[in-house]
Amino acid sequence: MLALFLLSLTPGSAFARYAPTWTSLDSRPLPQWWADAKVGIFIHFSLFSVPSFHGEWFIYDWLVAKDADVVDFVSRTEKPNFSYANYAPRFTAELFNATDWLALFKASGARYVVPTTKHHDAFAMYPSPYSPNFNSVDCGPKQDIIGALANATRAAGLRFGAYHSLFEFFNPLYLKDKANNWATDTFVTQKTGPELYDLVARYEPEIIWSDGDWEPPGNSTYWNSTAFLAWLVNDSPVADTVVFNDRWGENSLCEHGSFYTCADRYLPGSLVGHPWENALSIDTQSWGYRRNAPLSDYLTAAQLIATVVQTVALGGNALINVGPAADGTIDAIFADRLTALGGWLGANGDAIYATTPWRVQNETARVWYTQEGRGGGAVFAIFLAWPPSGQLHLSAPVTAPNSSVALLGWGGGPLPWAPLSGPDGVRVTLPALVPGTPLAAAPAWALRLESVK
């Protein structure tokens, strides 16, 4: 029996081997690092960053949807017979500096980074042998953008992941498979499948964020995803630590994967019962950079922090997107929002990182709860509005004589408190807000409640 058990393990994996079925893959335990990380950075940086108009689906909106604004934009800014590939020489990324990017991302409080390696337009941000002459080394920046980000991410002590689109808008192999009603899979076996294996072997990402799986119908096995994922968790260089999302076809969305994404900007109103992630964009209307985005389309720092709080209280991770410009710079408005988030997490991170949902997730839209560790630790009450009276009433905690309350980021010692009714509920007397201090300027605050139920 021992010999059979040992044969079921691989040298690179601490877990039993998994079969290429969703039943088997879904039985794999979630690596704890991802559950504890809570905050990540998403990056949509590619050829669509050159027009920087209308978002990352620019080529589709122009050539397929024929959106009037996009068609007019191209007709006004380009010569006749212009093609999308003509943007490549302008994709210079001359100011791109991976170390500078990672300094910002680390300052934001993020624990992992997920750049776009290839979006639906097929342009690869690394020297993919499966995208010859249409990648960031053969043309455009003449740089391995993904390699630089992978190295800088790990040097900064963060985890590195990779976004990858399974399909491509105009790939002839994909369009032929589609015309054959998915009876053939030439695009998968010759292009996107090998590309995924190569991507993992090159950069060893600990997150595979798949996308673009939706066109084959119903229970189609067109993408052959479970075979790749079985290799990923059994035999790949990152088998022990890798996580993957739920966008793999075969009705996998919100059903299968290390974590669910369910929809863009997914933020459920209650517990999901499975690890999940809220992929959200600071520019609420686009993932790619838009030069003409009005200020009103960007999340404020307070809105971003409130979204992170709600996401974590409901058991999710927040993956926060930035869209860099084609020259490789990150606009000041993104930096401002990320820096504000990092400052808040610097004072209140204990209420976010390595927490789990409490038995009560929120009392109102302005008060949210988390719990330290995997249950049984301190409870955190995060409140998004400072009560004018200076007293915060919480109805959910059940106190005991040895209960205590502290305000994170204040450093002034325990706060006075009293039960609301018997042991149920607590009335906390908050310190005075001093104008001009970080505490007064914060958009949210967190109480640490010890010895409460």
Protein backbone atom coordinates (compact mmCIF):
# COMPACT_ATOMS: atom_id res chain seq x y z
CA MET A 1 0.00 0.00 0.00
CA LEU A 2 2.85 2.41 0.81
CA ALA A 3 4.45 1.73 -2.55
CA LEU A 4 1.18 2.46 -4.34
CA PHE A 5 0.83 5.73 -2.41
CA LEU A 6 4.36 6.81 -3.27
CA LEU A 7 3.73 6.07 -6.93
CA SER A 8 0.72 8.39 -6.78
CA LEU A 9 2.99 11.33 -5.98
CA THR A 10 5.36 13.23 -8.23
CA PRO A 11 8.74 14.60 -7.13
CA GLY A 12 7.44 18.14 -7.73
CA SER A 13 4.11 17.83 -5.96
CA ALA A 14 3.16 17.52 -2.30
CA PHE A 15 -0.32 16.32 -3.28
CA ALA A 16 -1.69 13.17 -4.91
CA ARG A 17 -1.85 13.15 -8.70
CA TYR A 18 -4.98 14.53 -10.31
CA ALA A 19 -6.80 13.13 -13.30
CA PRO A 20 -7.80 15.33 -16.27
CA THR A 21 -11.40 15.60 -15.05
CA TRP A 22 -13.15 18.41 -13.26
CA THR A 23 -14.12 16.06 -10.43
CA SER A 24 -10.49 15.25 -9.76
CA LEU A 25 -9.14 18.77 -10.35
CA ASP A 26 -11.79 20.27 -8.07
CA SER A 27 -10.59 18.02 -5.24
CA ARG A 28 -7.17 19.69 -5.17
CA PRO A 29 -6.68 21.87 -2.06
CA LEU A 30 -6.26 25.59 -2.70
CA PRO A 31 -2.67 26.71 -2.03
CA GLN A 32 -2.88 28.81 1.11
CA TRP A 33 -0.74 31.64 -0.21
CA TRP A 34 -3.50 32.73 -2.59
CA ALA A 35 -6.17 32.63 0.11
CA ASP A 36 -4.04 34.80 2.38
CA ALA A 37 -2.89 37.31 -0.28
CA LYS A 38 -6.26 39.08 -0.77
CA VAL A 39 -5.00 41.80 -3.13
CA GLY A 40 -3.44 41.52 -6.58
CA ILE A 41 -2.67 43.74 -9.56
CA PHE A 42 -4.04 43.06 -13.05
CA ILE A 43 -2.23 44.67 -16.03
CA HIS A 44 -3.76 45.20 -19.47
CA PHE A 45 -0.79 46.39 -21.52
CA SER A 46 -0.53 45.41 -25.18
CA LEU A 47 -0.96 46.65 -28.73
CA PHE A 48 -4.37 48.13 -27.90
CA SER A 49 -2.49 50.56 -25.65
CA VAL A 50 -1.39 52.44 -28.78
CA PRO A 51 -4.77 53.74 -29.97
CA SER A 52 -5.77 53.87 -26.28
CA PHE A 53 -9.33 54.50 -27.36
CA HIS A 54 -12.45 52.53 -26.46
CA GLY A 55 -10.60 49.82 -24.56
CA GLU A 56 -8.85 46.51 -25.09
CA TRP A 57 -11.47 45.25 -27.60
CA PHE A 58 -10.50 48.07 -29.98
CA ILE A 59 -9.83 45.81 -32.98
CA TYR A 60 -13.14 43.98 -32.59
CA ASP A 61 -15.11 47.18 -32.10
CA TRP A 62 -13.47 48.61 -35.21
CA LEU A 63 -13.57 45.70 -37.66
CA VAL A 64 -16.42 43.47 -36.46
CA ALA A 65 -18.85 45.50 -34.36
CA LYS A 66 -18.06 48.56 -36.52
CA ASP A 67 -18.73 50.85 -33.58
CA ALA A 68 -19.33 54.31 -35.03
CA ASP A 69 -16.99 56.05 -32.58
CA VAL A 70 -14.12 53.66 -33.31
CA VAL A 71 -14.62 53.70 -37.08
CA ASP A 72 -14.67 57.49 -37.01
CA PHE A 73 -11.55 57.58 -34.80
CA VAL A 74 -9.55 55.44 -37.23
CA SER A 75 -10.77 57.36 -40.27
CA ARG A 76 -9.72 60.66 -38.67
CA THR A 77 -6.35 59.55 -37.32
CA GLU A 78 -5.02 57.09 -39.90
CA LYS A 79 -4.42 56.89 -43.65
CA PRO A 80 -6.57 54.69 -45.93
CA ASN A 81 -5.88 50.96 -45.86
CA PHE A 82 -4.55 51.19 -42.31
CA SER A 83 -4.40 47.85 -40.47
CA TYR A 84 -4.27 47.01 -36.78
CA ALA A 85 -0.76 45.59 -37.21
CA ASN A 86 0.39 49.06 -38.28
CA TYR A 87 0.13 50.11 -34.65
CA ALA A 88 3.02 47.78 -33.76
CA PRO A 89 5.87 50.17 -34.74
CA ARG A 90 4.28 52.80 -32.49
CA PHE A 91 4.17 50.44 -29.52
CA THR A 92 7.54 51.64 -28.30
CA ALA A 93 7.29 51.22 -24.51
CA GLU A 94 10.38 53.44 -24.32
CA LEU A 95 9.64 54.44 -20.72
CA PHE A 96 8.71 50.96 -19.51
CA ASN A 97 10.59 50.03 -16.35
CA ALA A 98 9.48 46.85 -14.65
CA THR A 99 11.25 47.71 -11.40
CA ASP A 100 9.43 51.04 -11.17
CA TRP A 101 6.11 49.34 -11.85
CA LEU A 102 6.73 46.82 -9.11
CA ALA A 103 7.70 49.51 -6.64
CA LEU A 104 4.24 51.01 -7.20
CA PHE A 105 2.48 47.66 -7.01
CA LYS A 106 4.25 46.71 -3.81
CA ALA A 107 3.43 50.12 -2.34
CA SER A 108 -0.23 49.42 -3.14
CA GLY A 109 -0.23 46.49 -0.74
CA ALA A 110 -0.74 43.92 -3.50
CA ARG A 111 0.68 40.45 -2.98
CA TYR A 112 0.55 39.17 -6.57
CA VAL A 113 0.71 40.53 -10.13
CA VAL A 114 -1.06 39.21 -13.24
CA PRO A 115 -0.06 40.84 -16.56
CA THR A 116 -1.66 40.15 -19.93
CA THR A 117 0.64 37.82 -21.86
CA LYS A 118 -1.68 37.70 -24.89
CA HIS A 119 -5.14 39.20 -25.31
CA HIS A 120 -7.81 38.37 -27.89
CA ASP A 121 -5.96 40.43 -30.53
CA ALA A 122 -3.20 37.75 -30.58
CA PHE A 123 -0.28 40.11 -29.83
CA ALA A 124 2.07 38.34 -27.42
CA MET A 125 3.98 40.36 -24.83
CA TYR A 126 6.94 37.96 -24.89
CA PRO A 127 8.84 36.06 -27.62
CA SER A 128 6.17 33.43 -28.14
CA PRO A 129 7.22 30.98 -30.87
CA TYR A 130 3.50 30.59 -31.55
CA SER A 131 3.07 34.29 -32.38
CA PRO A 132 6.07 34.90 -34.68
CA ASN A 133 6.45 38.47 -35.93
CA PHE A 134 3.52 39.55 -33.78
CA ASN A 135 5.04 39.80 -30.34
CA SER A 136 6.82 42.40 -28.22
CA VAL A 137 10.31 41.14 -29.10
CA ASP A 138 9.95 40.76 -32.86
CA CYS A 139 8.23 44.13 -33.20
CA GLY A 140 7.02 47.05 -31.13
CA PRO A 141 8.95 47.39 -27.88
CA LYS A 142 11.60 44.82 -28.93
CA GLN A 143 11.51 43.68 -25.30
CA ASP A 144 10.36 40.61 -23.39
CA ILE A 145 7.85 42.53 -21.30
CA ILE A 146 6.57 39.45 -19.49
CA GLY A 147 10.07 38.25 -18.65
CA ALA A 148 10.96 41.64 -17.21
CA LEU A 149 7.78 41.72 -15.13
CA ALA A 150 8.29 38.16 -13.90
CA ASN A 151 11.79 38.97 -12.69
CA ALA A 152 10.80 42.29 -11.10
CA THR A 153 7.76 40.76 -9.42
CA ARG A 154 9.78 38.05 -7.74
CA ALA A 155 12.54 40.48 -6.82
CA ALA A 156 9.90 42.58 -5.03
CA GLY A 157 8.75 39.53 -3.06
CA LEU A 158 5.38 39.23 -4.83
CA ARG A 159 3.84 36.25 -6.63
CA PHE A 160 3.79 36.26 -10.43
CA GLY A 161 0.82 35.21 -12.54
CA ALA A 162 -0.16 35.27 -16.21
CA TYR A 163 -3.33 36.22 -18.05
CA HIS A 164 -3.76 34.30 -21.32
CA SER A 165 -6.57 34.43 -23.86
CA LEU A 166 -7.48 31.04 -25.28
CA PHE A 167 -9.03 32.42 -28.44
CA GLU A 168 -7.97 35.07 -30.95
CA PHE A 169 -10.39 37.24 -32.90
CA PHE A 170 -8.94 36.64 -36.36
CA ASN A 171 -6.68 33.60 -36.22
CA PRO A 172 -7.39 31.57 -39.40
CA LEU A 173 -7.01 28.26 -37.55
CA TYR A 174 -9.56 29.33 -34.95
CA LEU A 175 -11.98 30.64 -37.55
CA LYS A 176 -11.70 27.37 -39.50
CA ASP A 177 -12.46 25.32 -36.38
CA LYS A 178 -15.41 27.61 -35.72
CA ALA A 179 -16.66 27.19 -39.30
CA ASN A 180 -16.42 23.42 -38.80
CA ASN A 181 -18.73 23.78 -35.78
CA TRP A 182 -15.84 22.80 -33.51
CA ALA A 183 -15.52 19.32 -35.04
CA THR A 184 -11.84 20.16 -35.58
CA ASP A 185 -9.42 21.54 -32.99
CA THR A 186 -6.42 22.56 -35.09
CA PHE A 187 -6.16 25.94 -33.35
CA VAL A 188 -5.96 24.26 -29.94
CA THR A 189 -3.46 21.57 -30.88
CA GLN A 190 -1.20 23.80 -32.98
CA LYS A 191 -1.50 27.22 -31.40
CA THR A 192 -3.15 28.10 -28.10
CA GLY A 193 -2.53 24.75 -26.36
CA PRO A 194 1.22 24.56 -27.00
CA GLU A 195 1.43 28.26 -26.23
CA LEU A 196 0.09 27.66 -22.71
CA TYR A 197 2.58 24.88 -21.99
CA ASP A 198 5.42 27.05 -23.31
CA LEU A 199 4.27 30.03 -21.24
CA VAL A 200 4.37 28.01 -18.01
CA ALA A 201 7.73 26.47 -18.83
CA ARG A 202 9.26 29.89 -19.61
CA TYR A 203 8.01 31.98 -16.70
CA GLU A 204 6.63 29.57 -14.07
CA PRO A 205 3.59 31.71 -13.21
CA GLU A 206 1.82 30.72 -10.01
CA ILE A 207 -1.52 31.97 -11.34
CA ILE A 208 -2.99 31.05 -14.72
CA TRP A 209 -5.76 33.52 -15.47
CA SER A 210 -7.50 32.09 -18.54
CA ASP A 211 -10.00 34.00 -20.68
CA GLY A 212 -11.70 33.83 -24.08
CA ASP A 213 -13.29 30.41 -23.66
CA TRP A 214 -16.91 31.25 -24.35
CA GLU A 215 -17.65 30.56 -28.01
CA PRO A 216 -17.67 26.74 -28.27
CA PRO A 217 -21.16 25.69 -27.12
CA GLY A 218 -22.33 23.93 -24.00
CA ASN A 219 -20.28 20.97 -22.87
CA SER A 220 -17.75 21.24 -25.67
CA THR A 221 -14.32 19.78 -24.88
CA TYR A 222 -12.78 21.86 -27.67
CA TRP A 223 -10.17 23.58 -25.51
CA ASN A 224 -8.88 20.31 -23.97
CA SER A 225 -8.47 22.34 -20.79
CA THR A 226 -8.54 19.56 -18.22
CA ALA A 227 -5.54 17.84 -19.83
CA PHE A 228 -3.50 21.03 -19.56
CA LEU A 229 -4.64 21.67 -15.99
CA ALA A 230 -3.82 18.11 -14.93
CA TRP A 231 -0.29 18.64 -16.27
CA LEU A 232 -0.16 22.03 -14.54
CA VAL A 233 -0.94 20.65 -11.06
CA ASN A 234 0.89 17.34 -11.46
CA ASP A 235 4.03 17.85 -13.52
CA SER A 236 4.64 21.53 -14.21
CA PRO A 237 7.40 23.52 -12.46
CA VAL A 238 4.72 25.23 -10.31
CA ALA A 239 2.63 22.14 -9.52
CA ASP A 240 2.63 22.68 -5.75
CA THR A 241 1.75 26.37 -5.66
CA VAL A 242 -0.15 27.24 -8.85
CA VAL A 243 -3.78 28.34 -8.89
CA PHE A 244 -6.08 28.78 -11.89
CA ASN A 245 -9.39 30.48 -12.53
CA ASP A 246 -12.67 29.22 -13.99
CA ARG A 247 -12.59 30.33 -17.65
CA TRP A 248 -11.78 27.10 -19.47
CA GLY A 249 -14.92 26.21 -21.43
CA GLU A 250 -17.00 23.11 -20.71
CA ASN A 251 -19.40 25.16 -18.58
CA SER A 252 -16.52 25.82 -16.22
CA LEU A 253 -17.36 29.47 -15.45
CA CYS A 254 -18.35 29.79 -11.80
CA GLU A 255 -18.32 25.98 -11.56
CA HIS A 256 -14.72 24.74 -11.75
CA GLY A 257 -11.29 26.11 -10.93
CA SER A 258 -9.06 26.91 -7.97
CA PHE A 259 -11.02 30.15 -7.70
CA TYR A 260 -14.11 31.51 -9.43
CA THR A 261 -14.35 34.80 -11.32
CA CYS A 262 -17.92 34.26 -12.62
CA ALA A 263 -18.04 37.64 -14.39
CA ASP A 264 -15.92 40.73 -14.80
CA ARG A 265 -16.13 42.91 -11.68
CA TYR A 266 -17.80 40.04 -9.84
CA LEU A 267 -18.95 41.09 -6.37
CA PRO A 268 -21.67 38.85 -4.92
CA GLY A 269 -23.89 40.00 -2.11
CA SER A 270 -23.28 36.95 0.08
CA LEU A 271 -20.82 34.13 0.69
CA VAL A 272 -20.08 31.98 -2.35
CA GLY A 273 -18.84 28.80 -0.68
CA HIS A 274 -15.77 28.58 -2.91
CA PRO A 275 -12.65 30.74 -3.31
CA TRP A 276 -13.37 33.61 -5.70
CA GLU A 277 -11.86 36.76 -7.09
CA ASN A 278 -13.22 40.19 -7.96
CA ALA A 279 -11.33 41.35 -11.05
CA LEU A 280 -12.06 45.07 -11.15
CA SER A 281 -10.69 48.04 -13.06
CA ILE A 282 -9.86 51.47 -11.68
CA ASP A 283 -11.18 52.83 -14.98
CA THR A 284 -14.66 51.40 -14.55
CA GLN A 285 -15.37 51.37 -18.29
CA SER A 286 -12.22 49.75 -19.65
CA TRP A 287 -9.33 47.41 -18.86
CA GLY A 288 -7.00 48.99 -21.40
CA TYR A 289 -5.75 52.57 -21.17
CA ARG A 290 -8.05 55.26 -22.60
CA ARG A 291 -6.58 58.68 -23.25
CA ASN A 292 -10.05 60.23 -23.36
CA ALA A 293 -11.46 58.69 -20.18
CA PRO A 294 -13.22 61.34 -18.05
CA LEU A 295 -12.40 61.62 -14.36
CA SER A 296 -15.88 60.37 -13.49
CA ASP A 297 -15.05 56.95 -14.98
CA TYR A 298 -12.31 56.29 -12.41
CA LEU A 299 -12.93 54.82 -8.99
CA THR A 300 -12.07 57.22 -6.21
CA ALA A 301 -9.63 56.02 -3.56
CA ALA A 302 -12.53 55.66 -1.13
CA GLN A 303 -14.53 53.59 -3.62
CA LEU A 304 -11.54 51.35 -4.32
CA ILE A 305 -10.88 50.74 -0.63
CA ALA A 306 -14.58 50.10 0.05
CA THR A 307 -14.65 47.55 -2.78
CA VAL A 308 -11.60 45.75 -1.39
CA VAL A 309 -13.18 45.68 2.07
CA GLN A 310 -16.48 44.28 0.82
CA THR A 311 -14.71 41.72 -1.38
CA VAL A 312 -12.55 40.38 1.45
CA ALA A 313 -15.41 40.37 3.96
CA LEU A 314 -17.33 38.10 1.57
CA GLY A 315 -14.37 35.75 1.17
CA GLY A 316 -12.88 36.99 -2.09
CA ASN A 317 -9.61 38.38 -3.39
CA ALA A 318 -9.45 41.74 -5.22
CA LEU A 319 -7.53 41.83 -8.51
CA ILE A 320 -7.16 45.53 -9.35
CA ASN A 321 -6.50 46.44 -12.96
CA VAL A 322 -4.30 49.19 -14.34
CA GLY A 323 -3.95 50.06 -18.02
CA PRO A 324 -0.50 51.46 -18.84
CA ALA A 325 0.10 53.79 -21.79
CA ALA A 326 1.92 52.62 -24.91
CA ASP A 327 5.12 54.37 -23.82
CA GLY A 328 5.25 52.16 -20.73
CA THR A 329 4.13 54.73 -18.17
CA ILE A 330 1.35 54.25 -15.65
CA ASP A 331 -0.91 57.28 -15.50
CA ALA A 332 -0.81 59.34 -12.31
CA ILE A 333 -4.45 58.63 -11.54
CA PHE A 334 -3.74 54.89 -11.29
CA ALA A 335 -0.69 55.58 -9.13
CA ASP A 336 -2.74 57.86 -6.88
CA ARG A 337 -5.41 55.24 -6.29
CA LEU A 338 -2.92 52.43 -5.69
CA THR A 339 -0.82 54.54 -3.34
CA ALA A 340 -3.90 55.50 -1.34
CA LEU A 341 -4.88 51.84 -1.07
CA GLY A 342 -1.37 50.94 0.07
CA GLY A 343 -1.39 53.63 2.72
CA TRP A 344 -4.69 52.36 4.05
CA LEU A 345 -3.51 48.74 4.04
CA GLY A 346 -0.34 49.79 5.82
CA ALA A 347 -2.45 50.81 8.80
CA ASN A 348 -5.29 48.32 8.44
CA GLY A 349 -3.79 45.30 6.71
CA ASP A 350 -4.36 43.05 9.73
CA ALA A 351 -8.09 43.29 8.96
CA ILE A 352 -7.52 42.18 5.35
CA TYR A 353 -4.57 39.83 4.84
CA ALA A 354 -4.87 36.20 5.94
CA THR A 355 -8.42 36.73 7.18
CA THR A 356 -11.58 34.73 6.63
CA PRO A 357 -15.25 35.74 6.64
CA TRP A 358 -16.77 36.01 10.07
CA ARG A 359 -20.15 34.51 10.99
CA VAL A 360 -21.65 37.93 10.14
CA GLN A 361 -20.25 39.57 7.02
CA ASN A 362 -21.82 43.01 7.48
CA GLU A 363 -24.41 44.91 9.46
CA THR A 364 -24.97 47.64 6.90
CA ALA A 365 -23.28 48.75 3.70
CA ARG A 366 -21.00 50.80 5.95
CA VAL A 367 -19.84 48.15 8.45
CA TRP A 368 -18.07 44.93 7.36
CA TYR A 369 -16.44 42.12 9.34
CA THR A 370 -13.47 39.81 8.87
CA GLN A 371 -11.80 37.34 11.21
CA GLU A 372 -8.14 36.70 11.87
CA GLY A 373 -6.68 33.51 10.46
CA ARG A 374 -8.88 30.53 9.74
CA GLY A 375 -11.39 31.18 12.49
CA GLY A 376 -11.22 31.65 16.23
CA GLY A 377 -8.98 34.71 16.19
CA ALA A 378 -9.73 38.36 16.63
CA VAL A 379 -12.70 39.87 14.82
CA PHE A 380 -12.27 43.03 12.77
CA ALA A 381 -15.06 45.54 12.27
CA ILE A 382 -14.29 47.77 9.28
CA PHE A 383 -16.43 50.88 9.09
CA LEU A 384 -16.66 53.17 6.08
CA ALA A 385 -18.13 56.22 7.82
CA TRP A 386 -17.03 57.82 11.09
CA PRO A 387 -20.05 58.27 13.39
CA PRO A 388 -20.68 61.97 14.13
CA SER A 389 -21.30 61.15 17.79
CA GLY A 390 -17.87 59.54 18.13
CA GLN A 391 -19.51 56.29 19.26
CA LEU A 392 -19.81 53.26 17.01
CA HIS A 393 -22.65 50.83 17.73
CA LEU A 394 -22.09 47.25 16.58
CA SER A 395 -24.95 44.81 17.08
CA ALA A 396 -23.30 41.55 15.96
CA PRO A 397 -20.42 40.93 18.40
CA VAL A 398 -21.15 39.04 21.62
CA THR A 399 -18.84 40.34 24.33
CA ALA A 400 -17.32 38.85 27.47
CA PRO A 401 -15.80 40.51 30.57
CA ASN A 402 -12.32 40.17 29.04
CA SER A 403 -13.24 41.57 25.63
CA SER A 404 -11.13 44.43 24.32
CA VAL A 405 -11.31 46.85 21.41
CA ALA A 406 -8.50 48.67 19.58
CA LEU A 407 -8.42 50.95 16.56
CA LEU A 408 -5.89 49.88 13.95
CA GLY A 409 -3.41 52.55 12.94
CA TRP A 410 -4.07 54.69 16.00
CA GLY A 411 -1.66 53.37 18.62
CA GLY A 412 -3.47 54.94 21.54
CA GLY A 413 -4.24 51.74 23.41
CA PRO A 414 -7.58 50.00 24.12
CA LEU A 415 -10.78 51.92 23.49
CA PRO A 416 -13.62 52.28 26.02
CA TRP A 417 -16.58 50.06 25.25
CA ALA A 418 -19.81 48.93 26.79
CA PRO A 419 -22.37 46.25 25.91
CA LEU A 420 -25.45 47.38 24.05
CA SER A 421 -27.81 44.85 25.64
CA GLY A 422 -26.45 42.17 27.91
CA PRO A 423 -23.53 40.57 26.07
CA ASP A 424 -25.04 41.26 22.64
CA GLY A 425 -23.58 44.16 20.77
CA VAL A 426 -21.00 46.73 21.75
CA ARG A 427 -20.83 50.51 21.90
CA VAL A 428 -17.29 51.73 21.24
CA THR A 429 -16.10 55.22 22.12
CA LEU A 430 -13.75 56.30 19.35
CA PRO A 431 -10.86 58.74 19.77
CA ALA A 432 -11.26 62.29 18.59
CA LEU A 433 -10.33 62.90 14.97
CA VAL A 434 -7.59 65.48 14.68
CA PRO A 435 -7.83 67.41 11.39
CA GLY A 436 -4.85 66.96 9.12
CA THR A 437 -3.82 63.57 10.54
CA PRO A 438 -3.83 60.33 8.50
CA LEU A 439 -6.56 58.98 10.76
CA ALA A 440 -8.83 61.91 9.96
CA ALA A 441 -8.10 61.65 6.24
CA ALA A 442 -8.78 57.92 5.98
CA PRO A 443 -11.84 56.72 4.03
CA ALA A 444 -12.29 53.69 6.31
CA TRP A 445 -11.19 52.42 9.71
CA ALA A 446 -10.91 49.03 11.40
CA LEU A 447 -11.48 47.92 14.97
CA ARG A 448 -9.79 44.85 16.38
CA LEU A 449 -12.15 43.07 18.76
CA GLU A 450 -10.56 40.47 21.02
CA SER A 451 -12.49 37.78 22.92
CA VAL A 452 -15.82 38.31 21.18
CA LYS A 453 -18.07 35.75 19.54
